[in-house]
Amino acid sequence: MERQLVFIPIAADDMGALDGSTTLRERPAHTVTPELLAELGYSEREAEDAEYAAMVLASVAGLARHGTRLVIVAEVDPSTVRPGEDSANGEVVVEVCPTRSITAWFADEPGADVGAAADAARGLSIDDAWELPEVQDLLQRQDLLWNDVVEYRRATGGGA
C-alpha cells in the first residue's frame, strides 16, 4: 500500500502518540506538496531536500502553535490526508495518525533554550514566524535531533 510521509508538529502532552496512549486526529501537518516544490524551487528529483524543508516548516509551526519544536514523522494512508490552508508551506490535515504509522520524531536537544523564539513566534503564521530574527537564530544554531520511535516505546514500556 502506498504511504504518504507527513511531519506533524505536536505539543509535549501529545508524546503519548508514540506509544499509543494518545491518538492524533485532525492534525495540521506538513508534507511535500506540488505547491511547496514550486515555492521553494525544488524539482521532483529533489524529494529528500523537500522533505527536510517540510520537516523544518513543521518545526516552525510547532514553535508558533505549541512553543516547542517537536515533530512526529509518520507514513500514513494518503486517503487520510487532505489539503491544508497553507499548501505553499506543505500544510495538510491528517485525519488520523495510527501509532503504527509513526516512525520517528524530531526534537530539540534536552534543555535547549527555545524560549525567545517561542515567545516571538507564538500565534503567528509560518511565514511571519520564519522572518523573526529569534526564529532564524534558533534555526541557524540548533539542529533538531532525530529520535527512533522504537527507543521511546522501549523506555516507556508502550508499543503498538
Protein backbone atom coordinates (compact mmCIF):
# COMPACT_ATOMS: atom_id res chain seq x y z
CA MET A 1 0.00 0.00 0.00
CA GLU A 2 1.23 3.47 -0.85
CA ARG A 3 2.05 5.69 2.14
CA GLN A 4 2.47 9.44 2.45
CA LEU A 5 5.26 10.90 4.57
CA VAL A 6 4.00 13.64 6.90
CA PHE A 7 5.56 15.76 9.63
CA ILE A 8 3.16 16.56 12.47
CA PRO A 9 4.07 19.30 14.96
CA ILE A 10 2.89 18.33 18.44
CA ALA A 11 2.84 19.64 21.98
CA ALA A 12 4.79 17.81 24.68
CA ASP A 13 1.47 16.48 26.02
CA ASP A 14 0.97 14.60 22.73
CA MET A 15 4.09 12.42 23.05
CA GLY A 16 1.79 9.56 24.07
CA ALA A 17 1.01 9.19 20.37
CA LEU A 18 4.34 7.37 20.11
CA ASP A 19 3.23 4.55 22.40
CA GLY A 20 -0.49 4.56 21.62
CA SER A 21 -1.73 6.23 24.79
CA THR A 22 -2.86 9.24 22.68
CA THR A 23 -4.36 9.23 19.19
CA LEU A 24 -3.65 12.13 16.86
CA ARG A 25 -6.78 13.22 14.98
CA GLU A 26 -7.45 16.16 12.67
CA ARG A 27 -3.89 17.45 12.99
CA PRO A 28 -2.21 20.06 10.84
CA ALA A 29 0.91 18.54 9.33
CA HIS A 30 3.44 19.27 6.61
CA THR A 31 4.42 17.23 3.59
CA VAL A 32 5.85 17.69 0.13
CA THR A 33 3.13 19.25 -1.98
CA PRO A 34 3.40 20.48 -5.58
CA GLU A 35 2.95 23.99 -4.19
CA LEU A 36 5.83 23.51 -1.73
CA LEU A 37 8.08 22.29 -4.53
CA ALA A 38 7.17 25.35 -6.62
CA GLU A 39 7.50 27.78 -3.71
CA LEU A 40 10.99 26.53 -2.81
CA GLY A 41 12.13 25.90 -6.38
CA TYR A 42 12.66 22.15 -5.92
CA SER A 43 12.26 19.63 -8.72
CA GLU A 44 10.65 16.22 -8.25
CA ARG A 45 14.20 14.77 -8.14
CA GLU A 46 14.97 16.80 -5.01
CA ALA A 47 12.42 14.97 -2.87
CA GLU A 48 14.80 14.43 0.05
CA ASP A 49 15.61 18.15 0.25
CA ALA A 50 11.91 18.97 0.01
CA GLU A 51 11.12 16.50 2.81
CA TYR A 52 13.72 18.16 5.02
CA ALA A 53 12.17 21.55 4.23
CA ALA A 54 8.70 20.24 5.17
CA MET A 55 10.11 18.98 8.49
CA VAL A 56 11.71 22.36 9.26
CA LEU A 57 8.47 24.15 8.35
CA ALA A 58 6.60 21.79 10.69
CA SER A 59 9.07 22.68 13.44
CA VAL A 60 8.39 26.40 12.97
CA ALA A 61 4.65 25.70 13.00
CA GLY A 62 5.13 23.80 16.27
CA LEU A 63 7.08 26.68 17.74
CA ALA A 64 4.25 29.10 16.85
CA ARG A 65 1.42 26.77 17.99
CA HIS A 66 2.92 24.92 20.96
CA GLY A 67 6.06 26.81 21.95
CA THR A 68 8.22 23.80 21.17
CA ARG A 69 9.83 22.06 18.22
CA LEU A 70 8.50 18.51 18.50
CA VAL A 71 7.73 16.92 15.13
CA ILE A 72 6.38 13.42 14.62
CA VAL A 73 7.34 11.63 11.40
CA ALA A 74 4.67 9.29 10.08
CA GLU A 75 3.87 7.35 6.95
CA VAL A 76 0.09 7.48 6.67
CA ASP A 77 -2.55 6.28 4.25
CA PRO A 78 -2.91 9.09 1.67
CA SER A 79 -6.71 8.82 1.93
CA THR A 80 -6.44 10.23 5.48
CA VAL A 81 -4.66 13.38 4.28
CA ARG A 82 -6.48 16.41 2.94
CA PRO A 83 -5.19 19.82 1.80
CA GLY A 84 -4.47 22.40 4.46
CA GLU A 85 -4.81 26.16 4.29
CA ASP A 86 -1.12 26.83 3.50
CA SER A 87 -0.15 24.41 0.73
CA ALA A 88 2.80 26.62 -0.30
CA ASN A 89 4.33 25.64 3.04
CA GLY A 90 3.28 21.99 2.59
CA GLU A 91 0.41 22.18 5.07
CA VAL A 92 -2.10 19.34 5.08
CA VAL A 93 -4.52 17.94 7.66
CA VAL A 94 -4.10 14.35 8.81
CA GLU A 95 -7.49 12.92 9.82
CA VAL A 96 -5.98 10.17 11.95
CA CYS A 97 -2.41 9.07 12.58
CA PRO A 98 -2.29 5.50 13.91
CA THR A 99 0.60 4.77 16.26
CA ARG A 100 1.88 2.07 13.87
CA SER A 101 2.36 4.80 11.22
CA ILE A 102 4.78 6.80 13.37
CA THR A 103 8.41 6.03 12.56
CA ALA A 104 10.39 8.72 14.40
CA TRP A 105 10.30 12.18 15.86
CA PHE A 106 12.48 15.27 15.84
CA ALA A 107 13.09 17.46 18.88
CA ASP A 108 15.49 20.00 20.24
CA GLU A 109 18.26 18.71 22.47
CA PRO A 110 17.02 18.31 26.07
CA GLY A 111 17.50 21.56 27.95
CA ALA A 112 17.85 23.65 24.78
CA ASP A 113 16.62 27.21 25.19
CA VAL A 114 13.94 27.93 22.61
CA GLY A 115 12.10 30.44 24.80
CA ALA A 116 12.91 33.63 22.90
CA ALA A 117 11.93 32.11 19.55
CA ALA A 118 8.79 30.50 21.00
CA ASP A 119 7.67 33.75 22.65
CA ALA A 120 8.26 35.77 19.49
CA ALA A 121 6.54 33.23 17.20
CA ARG A 122 3.52 32.43 19.38
CA GLY A 123 0.31 32.60 17.36
CA LEU A 124 1.96 33.68 14.11
CA SER A 125 1.75 32.09 10.67
CA ILE A 126 4.76 30.13 9.47
CA ASP A 127 5.74 32.90 7.07
CA ASP A 128 5.59 35.58 9.77
CA ALA A 129 7.39 33.41 12.34
CA TRP A 130 10.04 32.45 9.77
CA GLU A 131 11.00 36.11 9.31
CA LEU A 132 11.69 36.72 13.01
CA PRO A 133 15.36 37.12 13.99
CA GLU A 134 14.78 34.93 17.08
CA VAL A 135 13.45 32.08 14.93
CA GLN A 136 16.21 32.44 12.35
CA ASP A 137 18.81 32.42 15.12
CA LEU A 138 17.32 29.21 16.54
CA LEU A 139 17.21 27.54 13.11
CA GLN A 140 20.81 28.52 12.38
CA ARG A 141 22.37 27.49 15.70
CA GLN A 142 20.37 24.45 16.71
CA ASP A 143 19.51 21.46 14.53
CA LEU A 144 16.70 19.17 15.57
CA LEU A 145 17.70 15.73 16.75
CA TRP A 146 16.25 12.61 15.11
CA ASN A 147 14.81 10.06 17.55
CA ASP A 148 13.76 6.48 16.87
CA VAL A 149 10.22 5.67 17.97
CA VAL A 150 11.27 2.15 19.00
CA GLU A 151 13.58 3.56 21.67
CA TYR A 152 10.75 5.70 23.05
CA ARG A 153 8.43 2.71 23.22
CA ARG A 154 11.07 0.63 25.00
CA ALA A 155 11.72 3.42 27.52
CA THR A 156 8.00 3.90 28.28
CA GLY A 157 7.01 0.24 28.09
CA GLY A 158 4.50 1.08 25.35
CA GLY A 159 4.13 -0.45 21.97
CA ALA A 160 1.79 -0.61 19.07
